[in-house]
Structures are given as C-alpha cells and as structure tokens.
Amino acid sequence: MQQRIKKQSQKDASNEPLEPLLSIPDVMALLQISRPTVYTLFAEGLPYVKFGKSVRIFPSSLQRFLAQREQVA
C-alpha cells in the first residue's frame, strides 16, 4: 500500500506545471537590492538551486522566505 501511495504522489508532482525560476538579477530587481545582499540572503537560508554555475530561485521559496522574515512594527 505504501508503494501505491508513493507512486501516486510522484505522479501528482509530475503533473503540476513548473514555475519559472528566478535568476539572481531577477531577485535583485524584484527586491531592489544589490547582488551581495542576495548572497547574504542565501547565507541566511534563502533556498536556491544550482545548475552548474547558474543559480536559480523558486518564486514560492522566495515568498515563503520573505513571509518568515516579515516583522510587525
């Protein structure tokens, strides 16, 4: 039964549309921050994916990261 559930969850994930990944310049433009600040965010836990030398960020990961850091004054 566990194999059936596992196969079904893998199938469900593959049917979801891929979200376009953000590059470092995309994140810089969206947040209006510098490149070193983006790397600081990586050090603070912003998830990213590497493809060779390329670094990409899922928009949903960026949103979750920002929501966790949101502060109420």
PDB file of N, CA and C in Angstrom:
ATOM      1  N   MET A   1       0.823  -1.195   0.000  1.00  0.00           N
ATOM      2  CA  MET A   1       0.000   0.000   0.000  1.00  0.00           C
ATOM      3  C   MET A   1       0.868   1.260   0.000  1.00  0.00           C
ATOM      4  N   GLN A   2       1.985   1.229   0.736  1.00  0.00           N
ATOM      5  CA  GLN A   2       2.857   2.401   0.756  1.00  0.00           C
ATOM      6  C   GLN A   2       3.437   2.668  -0.629  1.00  0.00           C
ATOM      7  N   GLN A   3       3.753   1.617  -1.371  1.00  0.00           N
ATOM      8  CA  GLN A   3       4.286   1.809  -2.716  1.00  0.00           C
ATOM      9  C   GLN A   3       3.256   2.500  -3.596  1.00  0.00           C
ATOM     10  N   ARG A   4       1.996   2.108  -3.431  1.00  0.00           N
ATOM     11  CA  ARG A   4       0.936   2.715  -4.228  1.00  0.00           C
ATOM     12  C   ARG A   4       0.817   4.206  -3.921  1.00  0.00           C
ATOM     13  N   ILE A   5       0.862   4.565  -2.654  1.00  0.00           N
ATOM     14  CA  ILE A   5       0.780   5.967  -2.249  1.00  0.00           C
ATOM     15  C   ILE A   5       1.994   6.734  -2.768  1.00  0.00           C
ATOM     16  N   LYS A   6       3.161   6.122  -2.660  1.00  0.00           N
ATOM     17  CA  LYS A   6       4.382   6.773  -3.110  1.00  0.00           C
ATOM     18  C   LYS A   6       4.332   7.033  -4.616  1.00  0.00           C
ATOM     19  N   LYS A   7       3.901   6.043  -5.390  1.00  0.00           N
ATOM     20  CA  LYS A   7       3.808   6.226  -6.836  1.00  0.00           C
ATOM     21  C   LYS A   7       2.789   7.290  -7.191  1.00  0.00           C
ATOM     22  N   GLN A   8       1.676   7.328  -6.462  1.00  0.00           N
ATOM     23  CA  GLN A   8       0.647   8.310  -6.738  1.00  0.00           C
ATOM     24  C   GLN A   8       1.150   9.722  -6.447  1.00  0.00           C
ATOM     25  N   SER A   9       1.879   9.917  -5.347  1.00  0.00           N
ATOM     26  CA  SER A   9       2.374  11.253  -5.024  1.00  0.00           C
ATOM     27  C   SER A   9       3.418  11.712  -6.026  1.00  0.00           C
ATOM     28  N   GLN A  10       4.241  10.793  -6.531  1.00  0.00           N
ATOM     29  CA  GLN A  10       5.210  11.146  -7.560  1.00  0.00           C
ATOM     30  C   GLN A  10       4.495  11.536  -8.843  1.00  0.00           C
ATOM     31  N   LYS A  11       3.420  10.822  -9.164  1.00  0.00           N
ATOM     32  CA  LYS A  11       2.654  11.126 -10.363  1.00  0.00           C
ATOM     33  C   LYS A  11       2.009  12.500 -10.246  1.00  0.00           C
ATOM     34  N   ASP A  12       1.444  12.809  -9.069  1.00  0.00           N
ATOM     35  CA  ASP A  12       0.809  14.104  -8.863  1.00  0.00           C
ATOM     36  C   ASP A  12       1.807  15.242  -9.034  1.00  0.00           C
ATOM     37  N   ALA A  13       3.003  15.061  -8.516  1.00  0.00           N
ATOM     38  CA  ALA A  13       4.025  16.107  -8.607  1.00  0.00           C
ATOM     39  C   ALA A  13       4.433  16.349 -10.050  1.00  0.00           C
ATOM     40  N   SER A  14       4.474  15.314 -10.858  1.00  0.00           N
ATOM     41  CA  SER A  14       4.910  15.481 -12.236  1.00  0.00           C
ATOM     42  C   SER A  14       3.841  16.145 -13.098  1.00  0.00           C
ATOM     43  N   ASN A  15       2.582  16.145 -12.654  1.00  0.00           N
ATOM     44  CA  ASN A  15       1.503  16.771 -13.408  1.00  0.00           C
ATOM     45  C   ASN A  15       1.378  18.257 -13.130  1.00  0.00           C
ATOM     46  N   GLU A  16       2.054  18.736 -12.100  1.00  0.00           N
ATOM     47  CA  GLU A  16       1.986  20.155 -11.764  1.00  0.00           C
ATOM     48  C   GLU A  16       2.835  20.958 -12.744  1.00  0.00           C
ATOM     49  N   PRO A  17       2.347  22.127 -13.152  1.00  0.00           N
ATOM     50  CA  PRO A  17       3.171  22.949 -14.047  1.00  0.00           C
ATOM     51  C   PRO A  17       4.389  23.490 -13.304  1.00  0.00           C
ATOM     52  N   LEU A  18       5.496  23.582 -14.006  1.00  0.00           N
ATOM     53  CA  LEU A  18       6.713  24.129 -13.400  1.00  0.00           C
ATOM     54  C   LEU A  18       6.578  25.636 -13.282  1.00  0.00           C
ATOM     55  N   GLU A  19       7.036  26.167 -12.148  1.00  0.00           N
ATOM     56  CA  GLU A  19       7.057  27.612 -12.026  1.00  0.00           C
ATOM     57  C   GLU A  19       8.378  28.119 -12.603  1.00  0.00           C
ATOM     58  N   PRO A  20       8.344  29.247 -13.303  1.00  0.00           N
ATOM     59  CA  PRO A  20       9.581  29.776 -13.858  1.00  0.00           C
ATOM     60  C   PRO A  20      10.540  30.142 -12.728  1.00  0.00           C
ATOM     61  N   LEU A  21      11.780  29.772 -12.879  1.00  0.00           N
ATOM     62  CA  LEU A  21      12.778  30.053 -11.851  1.00  0.00           C
ATOM     63  C   LEU A  21      13.319  31.466 -12.015  1.00  0.00           C
ATOM     64  N   LEU A  22      13.706  32.059 -10.902  1.00  0.00           N
ATOM     65  CA  LEU A  22      14.265  33.412 -10.903  1.00  0.00           C
ATOM     66  C   LEU A  22      15.781  33.348 -10.877  1.00  0.00           C
ATOM     67  N   SER A  23      16.415  34.225 -11.618  1.00  0.00           N
ATOM     68  CA  SER A  23      17.867  34.355 -11.569  1.00  0.00           C
ATOM     69  C   SER A  23      18.224  35.366 -10.479  1.00  0.00           C
ATOM     70  N   ILE A  24      19.497  35.483 -10.195  1.00  0.00           N
ATOM     71  CA  ILE A  24      19.937  36.473  -9.206  1.00  0.00           C
ATOM     72  C   ILE A  24      19.546  37.892  -9.646  1.00  0.00           C
ATOM     73  N   PRO A  25      19.763  38.268 -10.920  1.00  0.00           N
ATOM     74  CA  PRO A  25      19.309  39.603 -11.334  1.00  0.00           C
ATOM     75  C   PRO A  25      17.793  39.793 -11.199  1.00  0.00           C
ATOM     76  N   ASP A  26      17.009  38.721 -11.399  1.00  0.00           N
ATOM     77  CA  ASP A  26      15.565  38.822 -11.200  1.00  0.00           C
ATOM     78  C   ASP A  26      15.244  39.162  -9.747  1.00  0.00           C
ATOM     79  N   VAL A  27      15.889  38.467  -8.820  1.00  0.00           N
ATOM     80  CA  VAL A  27      15.669  38.712  -7.393  1.00  0.00           C
ATOM     81  C   VAL A  27      16.129  40.120  -7.022  1.00  0.00           C
ATOM     82  N   MET A  28      17.264  40.524  -7.580  1.00  0.00           N
ATOM     83  CA  MET A  28      17.764  41.881  -7.319  1.00  0.00           C
ATOM     84  C   MET A  28      16.730  42.922  -7.738  1.00  0.00           C
ATOM     85  N   ALA A  29      16.137  42.735  -8.921  1.00  0.00           N
ATOM     86  CA  ALA A  29      15.162  43.694  -9.435  1.00  0.00           C
ATOM     87  C   ALA A  29      13.866  43.651  -8.620  1.00  0.00           C
ATOM     88  N   LEU A  30      13.397  42.447  -8.290  1.00  0.00           N
ATOM     89  CA  LEU A  30      12.148  42.317  -7.531  1.00  0.00           C
ATOM     90  C   LEU A  30      12.242  42.965  -6.161  1.00  0.00           C
ATOM     91  N   LEU A  31      13.357  42.736  -5.477  1.00  0.00           N
ATOM     92  CA  LEU A  31      13.516  43.233  -4.108  1.00  0.00           C
ATOM     93  C   LEU A  31      14.241  44.570  -4.032  1.00  0.00           C
ATOM     94  N   GLN A  32      14.749  45.037  -5.172  1.00  0.00           N
ATOM     95  CA  GLN A  32      15.524  46.279  -5.245  1.00  0.00           C
ATOM     96  C   GLN A  32      16.687  46.255  -4.265  1.00  0.00           C
ATOM     97  N   ILE A  33      17.486  45.177  -4.396  1.00  0.00           N
ATOM     98  CA  ILE A  33      18.666  45.006  -3.548  1.00  0.00           C
ATOM     99  C   ILE A  33      19.862  44.708  -4.426  1.00  0.00           C
ATOM    100  N   SER A  34      21.048  44.749  -3.846  1.00  0.00           N
ATOM    101  CA  SER A  34      22.279  44.502  -4.586  1.00  0.00           C
ATOM    102  C   SER A  34      22.593  43.006  -4.644  1.00  0.00           C
ATOM    103  N   ARG A  35      23.516  42.654  -5.531  1.00  0.00           N
ATOM    104  CA  ARG A  35      23.952  41.264  -5.654  1.00  0.00           C
ATOM    105  C   ARG A  35      24.533  40.727  -4.343  1.00  0.00           C
ATOM    106  N   PRO A  36      25.411  41.466  -3.659  1.00  0.00           N
ATOM    107  CA  PRO A  36      25.924  40.950  -2.377  1.00  0.00           C
ATOM    108  C   PRO A  36      24.816  40.699  -1.352  1.00  0.00           C
ATOM    109  N   THR A  37      23.768  41.509  -1.388  1.00  0.00           N
ATOM    110  CA  THR A  37      22.663  41.306  -0.457  1.00  0.00           C
ATOM    111  C   THR A  37      21.921  40.013  -0.779  1.00  0.00           C
ATOM    112  N   VAL A  38      21.789  39.671  -2.058  1.00  0.00           N
ATOM    113  CA  VAL A  38      21.163  38.394  -2.434  1.00  0.00           C
ATOM    114  C   VAL A  38      21.983  37.245  -1.859  1.00  0.00           C
ATOM    115  N   TYR A  39      23.309  37.318  -1.975  1.00  0.00           N
ATOM    116  CA  TYR A  39      24.164  36.265  -1.424  1.00  0.00           C
ATOM    117  C   TYR A  39      24.066  36.212   0.110  1.00  0.00           C
ATOM    118  N   THR A  40      23.856  37.350   0.735  1.00  0.00           N
ATOM    119  CA  THR A  40      23.626  37.366   2.185  1.00  0.00           C
ATOM    120  C   THR A  40      22.335  36.629   2.519  1.00  0.00           C
ATOM    121  N   LEU A  41      21.308  36.823   1.699  1.00  0.00           N
ATOM    122  CA  LEU A  41      20.045  36.110   1.909  1.00  0.00           C
ATOM    123  C   LEU A  41      20.244  34.596   1.762  1.00  0.00           C
ATOM    124  N   PHE A  42      21.082  34.180   0.825  1.00  0.00           N
ATOM    125  CA  PHE A  42      21.397  32.746   0.696  1.00  0.00           C
ATOM    126  C   PHE A  42      22.023  32.241   1.990  1.00  0.00           C
ATOM    127  N   ALA A  43      22.957  33.011   2.534  1.00  0.00           N
ATOM    128  CA  ALA A  43      23.627  32.610   3.779  1.00  0.00           C
ATOM    129  C   ALA A  43      22.639  32.564   4.945  1.00  0.00           C
ATOM    130  N   GLU A  44      21.580  33.368   4.874  1.00  0.00           N
ATOM    131  CA  GLU A  44      20.573  33.403   5.930  1.00  0.00           C
ATOM    132  C   GLU A  44      19.471  32.364   5.731  1.00  0.00           C
ATOM    133  N   GLY A  45      19.586  31.571   4.651  1.00  0.00           N
ATOM    134  CA  GLY A  45      18.639  30.468   4.485  1.00  0.00           C
ATOM    135  C   GLY A  45      17.734  30.522   3.277  1.00  0.00           C
ATOM    136  N   LEU A  46      17.867  31.501   2.397  1.00  0.00           N
ATOM    137  CA  LEU A  46      17.055  31.521   1.182  1.00  0.00           C
ATOM    138  C   LEU A  46      17.438  30.324   0.324  1.00  0.00           C
ATOM    139  N   PRO A  47      16.482  29.422   0.047  1.00  0.00           N
ATOM    140  CA  PRO A  47      16.812  28.234  -0.755  1.00  0.00           C
ATOM    141  C   PRO A  47      17.089  28.597  -2.219  1.00  0.00           C
ATOM    142  N   TYR A  48      17.994  27.870  -2.817  1.00  0.00           N
ATOM    143  CA  TYR A  48      18.299  28.063  -4.234  1.00  0.00           C
ATOM    144  C   TYR A  48      18.691  26.731  -4.849  1.00  0.00           C
ATOM    145  N   VAL A  49      18.698  26.709  -6.183  1.00  0.00           N
ATOM    146  CA  VAL A  49      19.060  25.517  -6.942  1.00  0.00           C
ATOM    147  C   VAL A  49      20.228  25.888  -7.846  1.00  0.00           C
ATOM    148  N   LYS A  50      21.227  25.010  -7.919  1.00  0.00           N
ATOM    149  CA  LYS A  50      22.370  25.268  -8.799  1.00  0.00           C
ATOM    150  C   LYS A  50      22.335  24.314  -9.984  1.00  0.00           C
ATOM    151  N   PHE A  51      22.573  24.853 -11.152  1.00  0.00           N
ATOM    152  CA  PHE A  51      22.750  24.090 -12.381  1.00  0.00           C
ATOM    153  C   PHE A  51      24.112  24.493 -12.929  1.00  0.00           C
ATOM    154  N   GLY A  52      25.132  23.721 -12.598  1.00  0.00           N
ATOM    155  CA  GLY A  52      26.482  24.124 -12.963  1.00  0.00           C
ATOM    156  C   GLY A  52      26.826  25.386 -12.205  1.00  0.00           C
ATOM    157  N   LYS A  53      27.124  26.460 -12.946  1.00  0.00           N
ATOM    158  CA  LYS A  53      27.443  27.735 -12.311  1.00  0.00           C
ATOM    159  C   LYS A  53      26.216  28.622 -12.130  1.00  0.00           C
ATOM    160  N   SER A  54      25.099  28.220 -12.723  1.00  0.00           N
ATOM    161  CA  SER A  54      23.875  29.025 -12.637  1.00  0.00           C
ATOM    162  C   SER A  54      23.145  28.779 -11.324  1.00  0.00           C
ATOM    163  N   VAL A  55      22.638  29.853 -10.746  1.00  0.00           N
ATOM    164  CA  VAL A  55      21.868  29.788  -9.504  1.00  0.00           C
ATOM    165  C   VAL A  55      20.458  30.262  -9.821  1.00  0.00           C
ATOM    166  N   ARG A  56      19.460  29.489  -9.378  1.00  0.00           N
ATOM    167  CA  ARG A  56      18.066  29.851  -9.615  1.00  0.00           C
ATOM    168  C   ARG A  56      17.270  29.714  -8.323  1.00  0.00           C
ATOM    169  N   ILE A  57      16.210  30.513  -8.222  1.00  0.00           N
ATOM    170  CA  ILE A  57      15.384  30.547  -7.024  1.00  0.00           C
ATOM    171  C   ILE A  57      13.931  30.317  -7.440  1.00  0.00           C
ATOM    172  N   PHE A  58      13.237  29.421  -6.717  1.00  0.00           N
ATOM    173  CA  PHE A  58      11.813  29.237  -6.951  1.00  0.00           C
ATOM    174  C   PHE A  58      11.076  30.444  -6.389  1.00  0.00           C
ATOM    175  N   PRO A  59      10.158  31.040  -7.146  1.00  0.00           N
ATOM    176  CA  PRO A  59       9.386  32.177  -6.615  1.00  0.00           C
ATOM    177  C   PRO A  59       8.663  31.833  -5.309  1.00  0.00           C
ATOM    178  N   SER A  60       8.129  30.617  -5.210  1.00  0.00           N
ATOM    179  CA  SER A  60       7.423  30.225  -3.984  1.00  0.00           C
ATOM    180  C   SER A  60       8.381  30.162  -2.792  1.00  0.00           C
ATOM    181  N   SER A  61       9.622  29.736  -3.019  1.00  0.00           N
ATOM    182  CA  SER A  61      10.615  29.705  -1.940  1.00  0.00           C
ATOM    183  C   SER A  61      10.957  31.118  -1.482  1.00  0.00           C
ATOM    184  N   LEU A  62      11.067  32.026  -2.440  1.00  0.00           N
ATOM    185  CA  LEU A  62      11.354  33.423  -2.101  1.00  0.00           C
ATOM    186  C   LEU A  62      10.202  34.013  -1.286  1.00  0.00           C
ATOM    187  N   GLN A  63       8.965  33.731  -1.690  1.00  0.00           N
ATOM    188  CA  GLN A  63       7.811  34.249  -0.955  1.00  0.00           C
ATOM    189  C   GLN A  63       7.761  33.704   0.462  1.00  0.00           C
ATOM    190  N   ARG A  64       8.007  32.390   0.634  1.00  0.00           N
ATOM    191  CA  ARG A  64       8.000  31.798   1.981  1.00  0.00           C
ATOM    192  C   ARG A  64       9.105  32.405   2.835  1.00  0.00           C
ATOM    193  N   PHE A  65      10.294  32.578   2.253  1.00  0.00           N
ATOM    194  CA  PHE A  65      11.430  33.144   2.977  1.00  0.00           C
ATOM    195  C   PHE A  65      11.099  34.554   3.459  1.00  0.00           C
ATOM    196  N   LEU A  66      10.516  35.361   2.567  1.00  0.00           N
ATOM    197  CA  LEU A  66      10.168  36.734   2.939  1.00  0.00           C
ATOM    198  C   LEU A  66       9.067  36.760   3.987  1.00  0.00           C
ATOM    199  N   ALA A  67       8.092  35.872   3.873  1.00  0.00           N
ATOM    200  CA  ALA A  67       6.999  35.824   4.849  1.00  0.00           C
ATOM    201  C   ALA A  67       7.527  35.466   6.234  1.00  0.00           C
ATOM    202  N   GLN A  68       8.517  34.573   6.300  1.00  0.00           N
ATOM    203  CA  GLN A  68       9.103  34.187   7.586  1.00  0.00           C
ATOM    204  C   GLN A  68       9.862  35.357   8.215  1.00  0.00           C
ATOM    205  N   ARG A  69      10.405  36.219   7.392  1.00  0.00           N
ATOM    206  CA  ARG A  69      11.191  37.342   7.894  1.00  0.00           C
ATOM    207  C   ARG A  69      10.352  38.590   8.163  1.00  0.00           C
ATOM    208  N   GLU A  70       9.086  38.553   7.761  1.00  0.00           N
ATOM    209  CA  GLU A  70       8.229  39.716   7.922  1.00  0.00           C
ATOM    210  C   GLU A  70       8.067  40.061   9.393  1.00  0.00           C
ATOM    211  N   GLN A  71       8.183  41.339   9.706  1.00  0.00           N
ATOM    212  CA  GLN A  71       8.072  41.803  11.075  1.00  0.00           C
ATOM    213  C   GLN A  71       6.954  42.825  11.176  1.00  0.00           C
ATOM    214  N   VAL A  72       6.247  42.776  12.277  1.00  0.00           N
ATOM    215  CA  VAL A  72       5.190  43.753  12.530  1.00  0.00           C
ATOM    216  C   VAL A  72       5.763  44.816  13.459  1.00  0.00           C
ATOM    217  N   ALA A  73       5.627  46.066  13.050  1.00  0.00           N
ATOM    218  CA  ALA A  73       6.172  47.167  13.852  1.00  0.00           C
ATOM    219  C   ALA A  73       5.287  47.529  15.002  1.00  0.00           C
TER     220      ALA A  73
END
